[in-house]
Amino acid sequence: MQNFVEQILKHQPFLDTLVPFVKKVAHLAVSYSLGQTLLKVTAPGIPDVYQGSEYWDLSMVDPDNRRPVDYQERMTMLKSVENDYAQDPLRLIEKLCHDLNNPAIKLLLC
């Protein structure tokens, strides 16, 4: 299996079709994740929010509270987002929507 994957990733015609597909799927995944986060934080009841889930989590396991979380990094980004939001909220949202890999958009939504 490993040999197959290594060989297919060297095959340019395959990569020419794979890369656009991956970009499309990643964009849709971010959109769905933001929608899910919005529902989670606005629906009645108590949301099931894990420490550190303010950023994108691409791990293949269930989240839990035992993972180390860089709170200082999140506080720094939160202060930056708050400052930008206070100055021009629409500009900030537009900027973040053009860079969906930036976890600041999810942090702002949370």
Protein backbone atom coordinates (compact mmCIF):
# COMPACT_ATOMS: atom_id res chain seq x y z
CA MET A 1 0.00 0.00 0.00
CA GLN A 2 2.79 2.40 0.92
CA ASN A 3 4.54 1.68 -2.38
CA PHE A 4 1.32 2.30 -4.31
CA VAL A 5 0.79 5.66 -2.59
CA GLU A 6 4.38 6.73 -3.18
CA GLN A 7 4.16 5.81 -6.87
CA ILE A 8 0.78 7.42 -7.51
CA LEU A 9 1.92 10.67 -5.88
CA LYS A 10 4.78 10.80 -8.39
CA HIS A 11 2.34 10.50 -11.31
CA GLN A 12 1.70 14.07 -12.55
CA PRO A 13 -1.60 13.42 -14.37
CA PHE A 14 -3.01 12.00 -11.12
CA LEU A 15 -1.77 15.00 -9.13
CA ASP A 16 -3.27 17.37 -11.71
CA THR A 17 -6.71 15.97 -10.86
CA LEU A 18 -6.12 15.33 -7.15
CA VAL A 19 -4.96 18.80 -6.10
CA PRO A 20 -8.05 20.73 -7.36
CA PHE A 21 -10.32 18.09 -5.82
CA VAL A 22 -8.57 18.32 -2.44
CA LYS A 23 -8.80 22.14 -2.51
CA LYS A 24 -12.53 21.97 -3.26
CA VAL A 25 -13.19 19.41 -0.52
CA ALA A 26 -11.11 21.39 1.99
CA HIS A 27 -13.05 24.58 1.22
CA LEU A 28 -16.37 22.78 1.68
CA ALA A 29 -15.16 21.18 4.90
CA VAL A 30 -14.26 24.58 6.35
CA SER A 31 -17.68 25.94 5.39
CA TYR A 32 -19.46 22.98 6.99
CA SER A 33 -17.32 23.22 10.10
CA LEU A 34 -18.15 26.90 10.53
CA GLY A 35 -21.85 26.11 10.08
CA GLN A 36 -21.63 23.37 12.68
CA THR A 37 -19.82 25.71 15.08
CA LEU A 38 -22.49 28.38 14.58
CA LEU A 39 -25.24 25.88 15.34
CA LYS A 40 -23.34 24.58 18.35
CA VAL A 41 -22.90 27.99 19.99
CA THR A 42 -26.39 29.32 19.19
CA ALA A 43 -28.65 26.31 19.75
CA PRO A 44 -30.48 26.00 23.06
CA GLY A 45 -28.77 23.96 25.73
CA ILE A 46 -25.18 23.57 26.73
CA PRO A 47 -22.81 23.01 23.80
CA ASP A 48 -20.23 20.24 23.95
CA VAL A 49 -17.09 22.35 23.47
CA TYR A 50 -13.65 20.90 24.01
CA GLN A 51 -10.58 22.82 25.15
CA GLY A 52 -8.61 23.93 22.13
CA SER A 53 -11.47 23.44 19.68
CA GLU A 54 -11.42 27.15 18.83
CA TYR A 55 -8.95 26.24 16.07
CA TRP A 56 -9.25 23.72 13.25
CA ASP A 57 -8.69 20.17 14.49
CA LEU A 58 -7.64 17.83 11.71
CA SER A 59 -6.84 14.88 13.93
CA MET A 60 -8.48 11.55 13.24
CA VAL A 61 -9.52 10.89 16.83
CA ASP A 62 -12.25 12.20 19.08
CA PRO A 63 -11.31 15.43 20.83
CA ASP A 64 -10.83 15.34 24.56
CA ASN A 65 -9.61 17.61 27.31
CA ARG A 66 -6.32 15.78 27.83
CA ARG A 67 -4.47 17.31 24.88
CA PRO A 68 -2.16 20.20 25.64
CA VAL A 69 -3.63 23.53 24.51
CA ASP A 70 -1.52 26.60 23.77
CA TYR A 71 -3.66 29.12 25.63
CA GLN A 72 -1.13 31.93 25.16
CA GLU A 73 -1.31 31.55 21.38
CA ARG A 74 -5.10 31.64 21.51
CA MET A 75 -5.15 34.68 23.76
CA THR A 76 -2.78 36.51 21.41
CA MET A 77 -4.91 35.69 18.39
CA LEU A 78 -8.12 36.57 20.26
CA LYS A 79 -6.75 40.01 21.20
CA SER A 80 -5.74 40.60 17.58
CA VAL A 81 -9.17 39.53 16.32
CA GLU A 82 -10.93 41.69 18.92
CA ASN A 83 -8.83 44.74 17.95
CA ASP A 84 -9.45 44.23 14.23
CA TYR A 85 -13.16 43.63 14.87
CA ALA A 86 -13.46 46.83 16.92
CA GLN A 87 -11.85 48.85 14.12
CA ASP A 88 -13.76 47.45 11.14
CA PRO A 89 -15.82 44.27 11.63
CA LEU A 90 -16.84 43.85 7.98
CA ARG A 91 -13.26 44.24 6.75
CA LEU A 92 -12.06 41.63 9.24
CA ILE A 93 -14.76 39.14 8.26
CA GLU A 94 -14.04 39.66 4.56
CA LYS A 95 -10.32 39.17 5.18
CA LEU A 96 -10.90 35.98 7.16
CA CYS A 97 -13.29 34.59 4.54
CA HIS A 98 -10.52 34.86 1.95
CA ASP A 99 -8.14 32.86 4.15
CA LEU A 100 -10.22 29.99 5.51
CA ASN A 101 -7.12 28.12 6.67
CA ASN A 102 -6.61 30.81 9.28
CA PRO A 103 -8.14 29.56 12.55
CA ALA A 104 -9.05 33.14 13.48
CA ILE A 105 -12.34 32.80 11.61
CA LYS A 106 -13.43 29.91 13.83
CA LEU A 107 -12.12 31.67 16.94
CA LEU A 108 -14.19 34.74 16.03
CA LEU A 109 -17.29 32.60 15.59
CA CYS A 110 -16.79 30.84 18.92
